[in-house]
Amino acid sequence: MSPLPWSVGADSWSLSVNLKNGRWINHATGAQGDSLIKLAAFVWRIDRWQAALRLAERLGVDPYK
């Protein structure tokens, strides 16, 4: 486990992800979302479209099919 890069202090380890419904929350910052794409965009600090493309690339999926 490693600290989240965008938060500092004792809560920097506190990220919850519900694997059943995809909701996530960073308890240190209050940021939250409801999809893997939004989480990736938040972590990588990019927009959702770029996050979707990057995830597709990492998963070996053609995003245009």
N, C-alpha and C. Protein backbone atom coordinates (compact mmCIF):
# COMPACT_ATOMS: atom_id res chain seq x y z
N MET A 1 0.84 -1.17 0.00
CA MET A 1 0.00 0.00 0.00
C MET A 1 0.89 1.24 0.00
N SER A 2 0.53 2.22 -0.76
CA SER A 2 1.31 3.45 -0.78
C SER A 2 0.39 4.65 -0.61
N PRO A 3 0.93 5.75 -0.10
CA PRO A 3 0.09 6.94 0.08
C PRO A 3 -0.44 7.46 -1.24
N LEU A 4 -1.58 8.09 -1.20
CA LEU A 4 -2.14 8.69 -2.39
C LEU A 4 -1.33 9.94 -2.72
N PRO A 5 -0.99 10.16 -3.97
CA PRO A 5 -0.08 11.25 -4.33
C PRO A 5 -0.65 12.64 -4.14
N TRP A 6 -1.96 12.80 -4.06
CA TRP A 6 -2.57 14.12 -4.00
C TRP A 6 -3.01 14.53 -2.61
N SER A 7 -2.76 13.72 -1.60
CA SER A 7 -3.18 14.07 -0.26
C SER A 7 -2.03 13.87 0.72
N VAL A 8 -2.05 14.61 1.81
CA VAL A 8 -0.98 14.54 2.79
C VAL A 8 -1.57 14.32 4.18
N GLY A 9 -0.74 13.85 5.08
CA GLY A 9 -1.19 13.66 6.45
C GLY A 9 -1.68 12.26 6.72
N ALA A 10 -2.27 12.08 7.88
CA ALA A 10 -2.69 10.76 8.34
C ALA A 10 -3.74 10.13 7.42
N ASP A 11 -4.57 10.95 6.79
CA ASP A 11 -5.64 10.41 5.95
C ASP A 11 -5.18 10.08 4.54
N SER A 12 -3.91 10.25 4.23
CA SER A 12 -3.45 10.06 2.86
C SER A 12 -3.58 8.60 2.41
N TRP A 13 -3.79 7.68 3.33
CA TRP A 13 -3.97 6.27 2.98
C TRP A 13 -5.44 5.92 2.79
N SER A 14 -6.33 6.85 3.03
CA SER A 14 -7.74 6.53 3.16
C SER A 14 -8.51 6.70 1.86
N LEU A 15 -8.54 5.66 1.06
CA LEU A 15 -9.33 5.62 -0.16
C LEU A 15 -10.20 4.38 -0.08
N SER A 16 -11.49 4.55 -0.26
CA SER A 16 -12.41 3.42 -0.25
C SER A 16 -13.00 3.25 -1.64
N VAL A 17 -13.08 1.99 -2.08
CA VAL A 17 -13.69 1.66 -3.36
C VAL A 17 -14.68 0.53 -3.14
N ASN A 18 -15.92 0.73 -3.56
CA ASN A 18 -16.93 -0.31 -3.48
C ASN A 18 -16.87 -1.09 -4.79
N LEU A 19 -16.41 -2.32 -4.73
CA LEU A 19 -16.23 -3.10 -5.96
C LEU A 19 -17.55 -3.58 -6.56
N LYS A 20 -18.63 -3.52 -5.80
CA LYS A 20 -19.92 -3.94 -6.33
C LYS A 20 -20.56 -2.86 -7.20
N ASN A 21 -20.47 -1.61 -6.76
CA ASN A 21 -21.13 -0.55 -7.53
C ASN A 21 -20.18 0.48 -8.14
N GLY A 22 -18.88 0.36 -7.88
CA GLY A 22 -17.89 1.24 -8.49
C GLY A 22 -17.71 2.58 -7.81
N ARG A 23 -18.46 2.85 -6.75
CA ARG A 23 -18.31 4.13 -6.06
C ARG A 23 -17.01 4.15 -5.27
N TRP A 24 -16.38 5.32 -5.23
CA TRP A 24 -15.13 5.49 -4.50
C TRP A 24 -15.13 6.84 -3.81
N ILE A 25 -14.31 6.95 -2.77
CA ILE A 25 -14.16 8.22 -2.05
C ILE A 25 -12.76 8.30 -1.47
N ASN A 26 -12.17 9.47 -1.62
CA ASN A 26 -10.90 9.79 -0.97
C ASN A 26 -11.28 10.55 0.30
N HIS A 27 -11.11 9.91 1.45
CA HIS A 27 -11.55 10.50 2.71
C HIS A 27 -10.72 11.73 3.09
N ALA A 28 -9.50 11.83 2.58
CA ALA A 28 -8.65 12.97 2.91
C ALA A 28 -9.11 14.24 2.23
N THR A 29 -9.59 14.12 0.99
CA THR A 29 -9.97 15.31 0.23
C THR A 29 -11.47 15.46 0.04
N GLY A 30 -12.21 14.37 0.25
CA GLY A 30 -13.64 14.39 0.01
C GLY A 30 -14.02 14.11 -1.43
N ALA A 31 -13.02 13.97 -2.31
CA ALA A 31 -13.30 13.67 -3.71
C ALA A 31 -13.96 12.30 -3.80
N GLN A 32 -14.95 12.18 -4.70
CA GLN A 32 -15.63 10.91 -4.85
C GLN A 32 -16.18 10.77 -6.26
N GLY A 33 -16.52 9.56 -6.62
CA GLY A 33 -17.06 9.31 -7.94
C GLY A 33 -17.76 7.97 -7.98
N ASP A 34 -18.23 7.62 -9.17
CA ASP A 34 -19.02 6.40 -9.30
C ASP A 34 -18.56 5.50 -10.45
N SER A 35 -17.31 5.67 -10.87
CA SER A 35 -16.83 4.80 -11.95
C SER A 35 -15.31 4.70 -11.93
N LEU A 36 -14.81 3.63 -12.52
CA LEU A 36 -13.37 3.44 -12.64
C LEU A 36 -12.75 4.55 -13.48
N ILE A 37 -13.45 5.01 -14.49
CA ILE A 37 -12.93 6.07 -15.35
C ILE A 37 -12.75 7.36 -14.55
N LYS A 38 -13.73 7.70 -13.72
CA LYS A 38 -13.61 8.91 -12.90
C LYS A 38 -12.48 8.78 -11.88
N LEU A 39 -12.31 7.58 -11.32
CA LEU A 39 -11.22 7.35 -10.38
C LEU A 39 -9.87 7.49 -11.08
N ALA A 40 -9.74 6.90 -12.26
CA ALA A 40 -8.49 7.01 -13.02
C ALA A 40 -8.20 8.47 -13.37
N ALA A 41 -9.21 9.21 -13.78
CA ALA A 41 -9.03 10.63 -14.10
C ALA A 41 -8.56 11.40 -12.88
N PHE A 42 -9.13 11.08 -11.73
CA PHE A 42 -8.74 11.75 -10.48
C PHE A 42 -7.30 11.42 -10.12
N VAL A 43 -6.95 10.14 -10.15
CA VAL A 43 -5.60 9.70 -9.77
C VAL A 43 -4.55 10.25 -10.73
N TRP A 44 -4.83 10.16 -12.03
CA TRP A 44 -3.86 10.61 -13.03
C TRP A 44 -3.95 12.10 -13.33
N ARG A 45 -4.94 12.77 -12.76
CA ARG A 45 -5.14 14.21 -12.96
C ARG A 45 -5.27 14.59 -14.43
N ILE A 46 -6.16 13.85 -15.09
CA ILE A 46 -6.47 14.09 -16.51
C ILE A 46 -7.98 14.09 -16.66
N ASP A 47 -8.48 14.46 -17.84
CA ASP A 47 -9.93 14.44 -18.01
C ASP A 47 -10.42 13.01 -18.24
N ARG A 48 -11.73 12.82 -18.14
CA ARG A 48 -12.30 11.48 -18.21
C ARG A 48 -12.07 10.80 -19.55
N TRP A 49 -12.11 11.55 -20.63
CA TRP A 49 -11.88 10.96 -21.95
C TRP A 49 -10.46 10.40 -22.03
N GLN A 50 -9.48 11.18 -21.58
CA GLN A 50 -8.09 10.70 -21.59
C GLN A 50 -7.94 9.49 -20.67
N ALA A 51 -8.62 9.52 -19.53
CA ALA A 51 -8.55 8.40 -18.59
C ALA A 51 -9.14 7.13 -19.22
N ALA A 52 -10.24 7.28 -19.93
CA ALA A 52 -10.86 6.13 -20.59
C ALA A 52 -9.92 5.53 -21.64
N LEU A 53 -9.28 6.40 -22.41
CA LEU A 53 -8.33 5.91 -23.42
C LEU A 53 -7.13 5.22 -22.77
N ARG A 54 -6.62 5.80 -21.70
CA ARG A 54 -5.46 5.20 -21.03
C ARG A 54 -5.83 3.86 -20.40
N LEU A 55 -7.01 3.77 -19.79
CA LEU A 55 -7.45 2.50 -19.22
C LEU A 55 -7.62 1.45 -20.31
N ALA A 56 -8.22 1.83 -21.42
CA ALA A 56 -8.41 0.89 -22.53
C ALA A 56 -7.06 0.36 -23.01
N GLU A 57 -6.09 1.25 -23.13
CA GLU A 57 -4.75 0.85 -23.56
C GLU A 57 -4.13 -0.13 -22.58
N ARG A 58 -4.23 0.17 -21.29
CA ARG A 58 -3.65 -0.70 -20.27
C ARG A 58 -4.34 -2.06 -20.19
N LEU A 59 -5.63 -2.09 -20.54
CA LEU A 59 -6.40 -3.33 -20.49
C LEU A 59 -6.37 -4.09 -21.83
N GLY A 60 -5.72 -3.49 -22.83
CA GLY A 60 -5.63 -4.13 -24.12
C GLY A 60 -6.95 -4.14 -24.90
N VAL A 61 -7.76 -3.11 -24.68
CA VAL A 61 -9.06 -3.00 -25.32
C VAL A 61 -9.03 -1.87 -26.34
N ASP A 62 -9.62 -2.11 -27.51
CA ASP A 62 -9.73 -1.04 -28.52
C ASP A 62 -10.88 -0.13 -28.12
N PRO A 63 -10.61 1.11 -27.77
CA PRO A 63 -11.67 2.00 -27.31
C PRO A 63 -12.62 2.45 -28.41
N TYR A 64 -12.27 2.19 -29.63
CA TYR A 64 -13.09 2.65 -30.76
C TYR A 64 -13.99 1.57 -31.34
N LYS A 65 -14.01 0.39 -30.72
CA LYS A 65 -14.90 -0.68 -31.20
C LYS A 65 -16.12 -0.76 -30.35
